Protein backbone atom coordinates (compact mmCIF):
# COMPACT_ATOMS: atom_id res chain seq x y z
CA MET A 1 26.55 -7.18 16.65
CA ASP A 2 24.93 -3.91 17.71
CA PHE A 3 21.39 -5.00 18.60
CA GLY A 4 20.49 -1.43 19.52
CA GLN A 5 21.11 -0.42 15.92
CA VAL A 6 19.04 -3.38 14.70
CA LEU A 7 16.14 -2.43 16.97
CA ASP A 8 16.37 1.22 15.94
CA ALA A 9 16.21 0.32 12.24
CA ALA A 10 13.36 -2.17 12.76
CA LEU A 11 11.21 0.15 14.87
CA SER A 12 11.87 3.14 12.61
CA ALA A 13 10.59 1.16 9.63
CA GLY A 14 7.79 -0.69 11.43
CA LEU A 15 6.33 2.46 12.98
CA GLY A 16 7.47 4.92 10.33
CA THR A 17 6.09 6.36 7.13
CA GLN A 18 6.88 3.39 4.89
CA ALA A 19 4.73 1.06 6.98
CA ILE A 20 1.92 3.64 6.91
CA VAL A 21 1.91 3.80 3.10
CA PHE A 22 1.61 0.05 2.76
CA ALA A 23 -0.95 -0.20 5.56
CA LEU A 24 -3.21 2.22 3.69
CA ALA A 25 -2.66 0.39 0.39
CA ALA A 26 -3.34 -2.96 2.06
CA ILE A 27 -6.57 -1.63 3.63
CA GLY A 28 -7.77 -0.96 0.09
CA LEU A 29 -6.76 -4.45 -1.00
CA ASN A 30 -8.58 -5.82 2.03
CA VAL A 31 -11.80 -4.26 0.74
CA HIS A 32 -11.11 -5.71 -2.71
CA PHE A 33 -9.73 -9.15 -1.95
CA GLY A 34 -10.52 -9.80 1.70
CA TYR A 35 -14.15 -8.70 1.80
CA THR A 36 -15.34 -8.84 -1.84
CA GLY A 37 -13.07 -11.41 -3.49
CA LEU A 38 -11.81 -9.04 -6.22
CA LEU A 39 -8.31 -9.78 -7.51
CA ASN A 40 -6.75 -6.35 -7.92
CA PHE A 41 -3.07 -6.71 -8.89
CA GLY A 42 -2.73 -3.03 -9.79
CA GLN A 43 -3.12 -1.14 -6.52
CA SER A 44 0.01 0.80 -7.45
CA GLY A 45 -1.96 2.22 -10.40
CA PHE A 46 -4.63 3.62 -8.08
CA MET A 47 -1.87 5.10 -5.94
CA ALA A 48 -0.13 6.63 -8.94
CA VAL A 49 -3.16 8.38 -10.45
CA ALA A 50 -4.02 9.93 -7.08
CA ALA A 51 -0.43 10.96 -6.37
CA PHE A 52 0.10 12.62 -9.74
CA GLY A 53 -3.43 14.03 -9.65
CA LEU A 54 -2.31 16.07 -6.64
CA ALA A 55 1.23 16.80 -7.83
CA ALA A 56 0.21 17.89 -11.33
CA SER A 57 -2.74 19.96 -10.07
CA VAL A 58 -0.56 22.00 -7.73
CA THR A 59 2.73 22.12 -9.65
CA THR A 60 1.71 22.07 -13.32
CA PHE A 61 -1.72 23.71 -13.25
CA ASP A 62 -1.13 25.94 -10.20
CA LEU A 63 -4.35 24.93 -8.46
CA PRO A 64 -4.94 25.28 -4.69
CA PHE A 65 -3.67 22.42 -2.52
CA VAL A 66 -7.14 21.52 -1.21
CA LEU A 67 -8.57 21.36 -4.72
CA GLY A 68 -5.60 19.19 -5.70
CA ILE A 69 -6.49 16.75 -2.89
CA LEU A 70 -10.08 16.52 -4.14
CA ILE A 71 -8.91 15.91 -7.71
CA ALA A 72 -6.49 13.26 -6.44
CA LEU A 73 -9.25 11.41 -4.59
CA ALA A 74 -11.47 11.51 -7.67
CA MET A 75 -8.83 9.91 -9.90
CA PRO A 76 -8.98 6.39 -8.32
CA VAL A 77 -12.77 6.47 -8.63
CA LEU A 78 -12.46 7.26 -12.34
CA LEU A 79 -9.85 4.52 -12.80
CA ALA A 80 -12.10 2.02 -11.00
CA ILE A 81 -14.94 2.83 -13.41
CA VAL A 82 -12.67 2.49 -16.45
CA LEU A 83 -11.33 -0.88 -15.28
CA GLY A 84 -14.49 -2.21 -13.68
CA VAL A 85 -17.07 -1.66 -16.40
CA PRO A 86 -15.55 -4.15 -18.89
CA THR A 87 -14.24 -6.71 -16.37
CA LEU A 88 -16.48 -7.03 -13.30
CA ARG A 89 -19.10 -9.05 -15.17
CA LEU A 90 -16.41 -11.58 -16.17
CA ARG A 91 -14.36 -14.07 -14.17
CA ALA A 92 -12.13 -12.81 -11.38
CA ASP A 93 -8.90 -13.32 -13.33
CA TYR A 94 -9.92 -10.77 -15.99
CA LEU A 95 -9.87 -8.00 -13.39
CA ALA A 96 -6.46 -9.20 -12.22
CA ILE A 97 -5.06 -9.01 -15.75
CA ALA A 98 -6.63 -5.62 -16.44
CA THR A 99 -5.43 -4.01 -13.22
CA ILE A 100 -1.81 -5.17 -13.42
CA ALA A 101 -1.62 -4.12 -17.08
CA ALA A 102 -3.23 -0.75 -16.35
CA SER A 103 -0.83 -0.02 -13.47
CA GLU A 104 2.17 -0.58 -15.74
CA VAL A 105 0.66 1.54 -18.54
CA ILE A 106 0.01 4.36 -16.06
CA ARG A 107 3.56 4.21 -14.73
CA LEU A 108 5.05 4.33 -18.23
CA VAL A 109 2.77 7.17 -19.33
CA LEU A 110 3.62 9.25 -16.26
CA GLY A 111 7.33 8.82 -16.93
CA ALA A 112 7.13 9.33 -20.71
CA VAL A 113 9.09 12.15 -22.33
CA GLU A 114 6.00 13.20 -24.29
CA PHE A 115 4.25 14.18 -21.03
CA LYS A 116 7.28 15.68 -19.31
CA ASP A 117 5.75 19.17 -19.23
CA THR A 118 2.75 17.80 -17.31
CA PHE A 119 4.14 15.00 -15.15
CA GLY A 120 7.86 15.78 -15.06
CA GLY A 121 9.05 12.71 -16.97
CA SER A 122 11.27 10.20 -15.17
CA ASN A 123 12.31 12.84 -12.62
CA GLY A 124 8.73 13.39 -11.52
CA LEU A 125 7.34 16.50 -9.81
CA THR A 126 8.23 18.52 -6.71
CA ASN A 127 7.17 21.82 -5.10
CA PHE A 128 3.63 20.70 -4.28
CA ALA A 129 3.97 19.81 -0.58
CA GLY A 130 4.56 23.31 0.81
CA ALA A 131 1.05 23.67 2.26
CA TYR A 132 1.36 20.26 3.94
CA GLN A 133 4.77 21.05 5.43
CA LYS A 134 3.60 24.44 6.74
CA LEU A 135 1.03 22.68 8.92
CA ASN A 136 3.81 20.88 10.83
CA PRO A 137 3.40 21.83 14.53
CA TYR A 138 6.59 20.12 15.70
CA ASN A 139 9.72 22.21 16.30
CA GLU A 140 12.33 19.53 16.97
CA ARG A 141 13.06 15.85 16.52
CA LEU A 142 11.75 13.16 18.86
CA ASP A 143 14.37 10.93 20.50
CA LEU A 144 13.03 7.99 22.53
CA GLY A 145 16.43 6.40 23.06
CA ILE A 146 15.88 3.19 21.10
CA VAL A 147 14.32 5.04 18.18
CA SER A 148 14.24 8.64 16.97
CA PHE A 149 12.33 10.59 14.32
CA THR A 150 13.08 13.89 12.61
CA ARG A 151 10.67 16.81 12.80
CA ASN A 152 9.25 16.14 9.33
CA ASP A 153 8.99 12.39 9.91
CA LEU A 154 7.19 12.97 13.19
CA TRP A 155 4.59 15.14 11.43
CA SER A 156 4.10 12.55 8.67
CA ILE A 157 3.82 9.76 11.25
CA THR A 158 1.15 11.71 13.13
CA VAL A 159 -0.85 12.38 9.96
CA GLY A 160 -0.28 8.89 8.59
CA TRP A 161 -1.37 6.86 11.59
CA THR A 162 -4.38 9.15 11.99
CA LEU A 163 -5.36 8.33 8.39
CA VAL A 164 -4.84 4.62 9.10
CA ALA A 165 -7.05 4.80 12.19
CA LEU A 166 -9.81 6.66 10.34
CA SER A 167 -9.60 4.22 7.41
CA CYS A 168 -9.91 1.24 9.75
CA LEU A 169 -12.89 2.87 11.45
CA VAL A 170 -14.61 3.42 8.10
CA VAL A 171 -13.99 -0.19 7.02
CA TRP A 172 -15.15 -1.51 10.41
CA ALA A 173 -18.42 0.45 10.16
CA LEU A 174 -19.10 -0.41 6.52
CA MET A 175 -18.39 -4.12 6.81
CA ARG A 176 -20.82 -4.45 9.72
CA SER A 177 -23.56 -2.75 7.76
CA PRO A 178 -25.99 -4.52 5.37
CA TRP A 179 -23.84 -3.24 2.50
CA GLY A 180 -20.76 -4.95 3.92
CA ARG A 181 -22.64 -8.20 4.48
CA VAL A 182 -23.61 -8.23 0.82
CA LEU A 183 -19.92 -7.86 -0.13
CA ARG A 184 -19.01 -10.85 2.04
CA SER A 185 -21.80 -12.85 0.40
CA ILE A 186 -20.52 -11.94 -3.07
CA ARG A 187 -17.10 -13.23 -2.08
CA GLU A 188 -18.61 -16.56 -1.03
CA ASP A 189 -21.15 -17.13 -3.84
CA GLU A 190 -22.21 -14.30 -6.12
CA ASP A 191 -24.82 -16.44 -7.89
CA ALA A 192 -26.68 -16.86 -4.61
CA VAL A 193 -26.55 -13.11 -4.03
CA ARG A 194 -27.83 -12.47 -7.56
CA SER A 195 -30.70 -14.88 -7.00
CA LEU A 196 -31.82 -12.72 -4.07
CA GLY A 197 -32.26 -9.74 -6.38
CA LYS A 198 -29.04 -7.90 -5.56
CA ASN A 199 -27.13 -6.08 -8.30
CA VAL A 200 -23.78 -7.85 -7.94
CA PHE A 201 -22.07 -5.71 -10.57
CA SER A 202 -23.04 -2.51 -8.73
CA TYR A 203 -21.73 -3.79 -5.39
CA LYS A 204 -18.47 -4.94 -6.98
CA MET A 205 -18.02 -1.55 -8.61
CA GLN A 206 -18.63 0.24 -5.32
CA ALA A 207 -16.09 -2.00 -3.58
CA LEU A 208 -13.54 -1.44 -6.36
CA MET A 209 -13.97 2.33 -6.05
CA LEU A 210 -13.75 2.30 -2.24
CA GLY A 211 -10.60 0.17 -2.17
CA GLY A 212 -9.13 2.32 -4.93
CA VAL A 213 -9.73 5.46 -2.87
CA PHE A 214 -7.83 3.92 0.05
CA GLY A 215 -5.02 3.15 -2.39
CA GLY A 216 -5.23 6.74 -3.60
CA ILE A 217 -4.86 8.01 -0.03
CA ALA A 218 -1.75 5.84 0.27
CA GLY A 219 -0.33 7.38 -2.91
CA ILE A 220 -1.08 10.93 -1.74
CA PHE A 221 0.55 10.30 1.63
CA HIS A 222 3.56 8.69 -0.05
CA ILE A 223 4.39 11.75 -2.14
CA LEU A 224 3.62 14.23 0.65
CA LYS A 225 5.93 12.56 3.17
CA GLN A 226 8.85 12.65 0.72
CA ALA A 227 7.78 15.90 -1.06
CA SER A 228 8.26 14.38 -4.52
CA ALA A 229 6.24 12.31 -6.97
CA VAL A 230 8.35 9.90 -9.05
CA PRO A 231 6.74 7.44 -11.51
CA THR A 232 9.20 4.65 -10.76
CA ASP A 233 7.99 4.55 -7.16
CA PHE A 234 4.68 3.10 -8.30
CA ASN A 235 5.82 -0.19 -9.78
CA THR A 236 4.23 -3.62 -9.34
CA THR A 237 6.43 -4.26 -6.29
CA PHE A 238 4.27 -1.76 -4.41
CA THR A 239 1.19 -3.90 -4.98
CA PHE A 240 2.80 -7.18 -4.02
CA TYR A 241 4.36 -5.75 -0.84
CA ALA A 242 0.88 -4.53 0.11
CA TYR A 243 -0.48 -8.03 -0.55
CA ALA A 244 2.29 -9.47 1.62
CA ALA A 245 1.28 -7.15 4.45
CA LEU A 246 -2.38 -8.14 4.01
CA LEU A 247 -1.66 -11.87 4.01
CA ILE A 248 0.64 -11.65 7.05
CA GLY A 249 -1.97 -9.86 9.15
CA GLY A 250 -4.96 -11.72 7.78
CA ALA A 251 -7.48 -10.89 5.05
CA ALA A 252 -11.02 -9.76 5.97
CA ARG A 253 -9.82 -8.46 9.33
CA VAL A 254 -9.98 -4.73 9.99
CA LEU A 255 -6.57 -4.54 11.67
CA GLY A 256 -4.98 -7.32 9.61
CA PRO A 257 -3.42 -5.01 6.98
CA VAL A 258 -2.11 -2.63 9.65
CA ILE A 259 -0.46 -5.27 11.83
CA GLY A 260 0.82 -7.05 8.74
CA SER A 261 2.47 -3.89 7.39
CA ILE A 262 4.14 -3.19 10.75
CA ILE A 263 5.49 -6.75 10.97
CA PHE A 264 6.59 -6.78 7.32
CA TRP A 265 8.66 -3.59 7.52
CA PHE A 266 9.94 -4.41 11.01
CA LEU A 267 11.39 -7.65 9.62
CA VAL A 268 12.66 -6.11 6.37
CA ALA A 269 14.58 -3.35 8.17
CA GLY A 270 15.68 -5.55 11.08
CA LEU A 271 17.03 -8.32 8.86
CA GLY A 272 18.66 -5.73 6.62
CA SER A 273 20.50 -4.23 9.59
CA ILE A 274 21.62 -7.66 10.82
CA PHE A 275 23.04 -8.77 7.46
CA ASP A 276 24.57 -5.34 6.92
CA GLN A 277 26.53 -5.60 10.16
CA LEU A 278 27.55 -9.19 9.41
CA THR A 279 29.14 -8.23 6.07
CA LYS A 280 30.71 -4.83 6.76
CA GLY A 281 33.58 -3.55 8.82
CA ALA A 282 37.32 -4.22 8.94
CA ASP A 283 36.78 -7.81 10.04
CA PRO A 284 33.28 -8.89 8.91
CA PHE A 285 31.71 -11.96 10.52
CA MET A 286 30.58 -13.30 7.14
CA PRO A 287 33.45 -14.21 4.80
CA GLU A 288 33.25 -12.51 1.41
CA TRP A 289 33.04 -15.82 -0.43
CA LEU A 290 29.83 -16.59 1.47
CA MET A 291 28.12 -13.20 1.29
CA THR A 292 29.21 -9.71 0.22
CA ASP A 293 27.79 -6.45 1.54
CA THR A 294 26.04 -5.98 -1.82
CA GLN A 295 24.31 -9.34 -1.53
CA ALA A 296 23.28 -8.67 2.08
CA SER A 297 20.50 -6.28 1.08
CA LEU A 298 18.97 -9.02 -1.10
CA VAL A 299 19.39 -11.92 1.32
CA ARG A 300 16.93 -10.30 3.74
CA PHE A 301 14.19 -10.69 1.14
CA ILE A 302 15.13 -14.33 0.62
CA VAL A 303 14.82 -15.00 4.34
CA LEU A 304 11.57 -13.05 4.55
CA GLY A 305 10.23 -14.92 1.51
CA LEU A 306 10.96 -18.25 3.17
CA GLY A 307 9.10 -17.04 6.24
CA LEU A 308 6.10 -16.07 4.11
CA MET A 309 6.15 -19.49 2.45
CA LEU A 310 6.03 -21.20 5.84
CA LEU A 311 3.21 -18.91 6.94
CA MET A 312 1.19 -19.76 3.82
CA ILE A 313 1.80 -23.47 4.37
CA PHE A 314 0.95 -23.70 8.06
CA ARG A 315 -1.38 -20.69 8.50
CA PRO A 316 -2.62 -19.48 5.09
CA GLN A 317 -5.23 -17.22 6.70
CA GLY A 318 -2.52 -15.06 8.27
CA ILE A 319 -1.88 -14.25 11.91
CA PHE A 320 -5.34 -12.91 12.77
CA GLY A 321 -7.32 -14.29 9.85
CA ASP A 322 -9.93 -17.01 9.54
CA ARG A 323 -9.36 -19.78 6.98
CA ARG A 324 -13.00 -19.48 5.87
CA GLU A 325 -12.45 -15.83 4.93
CA ILE A 326 -9.88 -16.58 2.20
CA ALA A 327 -12.18 -18.75 0.09
CA ILE A 328 -13.41 -16.67 -2.85
CA ASP A 329 -15.77 -17.31 -5.72
CA GLY A 330 -13.56 -16.96 -8.81
CA ARG A 331 -16.34 -17.46 -11.35
C-alpha cells in the first residue's frame, strides 16, 4: 500500500477545485436550509442556469466576458423568483418538489437537440474561459512533495478559495444582522414572525435568491476551472453531494459547509485510492471474487455512506453544528 499516493489523492481532492465547487454550493444551501429552513433540492439548477448564462453569453452571443458574468449572476435570481412566487407561501415540501423538478427540466433543456445552436446540446459549450485563463499569474506547477498542482489548477484554487472566503464573510455579516435574525426566526416558527408584522414571504424570497446566487457562483467557477460547460454535470447528484458536505460540517454554521466539503472529498478520494490499490496490480490484495477493480470505485461510496449514516445517528447536527439549529418549521 502506497500511503503517499493515498495522501496525495486525498489532499488534492480535499483542497482542490472539486471541493471548492461543492463548498460554494453548500454555502448557498446553508442560507436556504440551515438559516431559513427552505428545502431546496435543486441547487444544481441554480448552478446550471448561471453556468450556461455565462457560457452562452460569451460563446453563442459573443458578449464580453464581464457582461457574461453579470448575466450569469442574474439568472439564479430570476430562477428563484420563478420558483419562489408559487411555492413559498405553501408548505416546505412544495418548494422541495418544485426545485428538484426544475433542476431536471433545466438540465434536459440545456442538453436538448432543439437548443443545440444555443447551448451546444449534450456536448455543451467551450471557448468562453479565455479571459479567465489569461489572468493566470502562475508560470509553473506547485510541488509540495505530498501534493502537487498544475499551473491552471493553482490559479483556480487561488480564485476558488478566495470566493469561498468572501462568501463566508458575507454570510457571517448578514446572519448577524437584524435581517439574518429574522431568517433564523422564520426557520423556528414563521407564524410567530408573521404575528410581529414581518413579511415572511419577502424574507423567504430574499433568502432563496441569495442562496441561489451562491449556487450560481459555484456553477460559474465549475465551468471556468474546466473550461467547458456540459449539461450532464449538473445532475441531482450535485445537489445531494452539496447537502452531504453541509450536513457533515454542520448546518447554520458559517464554516460548516466549507469544512464539510473538504472532509467529504478528502474521504472520497482517499478511499478511492485505497480500494484502487487493493484491487489492481499483478498480485492484488483483494481477490477478484471479493471485489474487482471496477467495483472498487463504487465501494468507496458505500463506505462513505455508512459513515454518514453513523454521523446522522450519533451526531445529526454535524461536526460543528448545534442540534437546535436543525429543527425547522415545515408548515
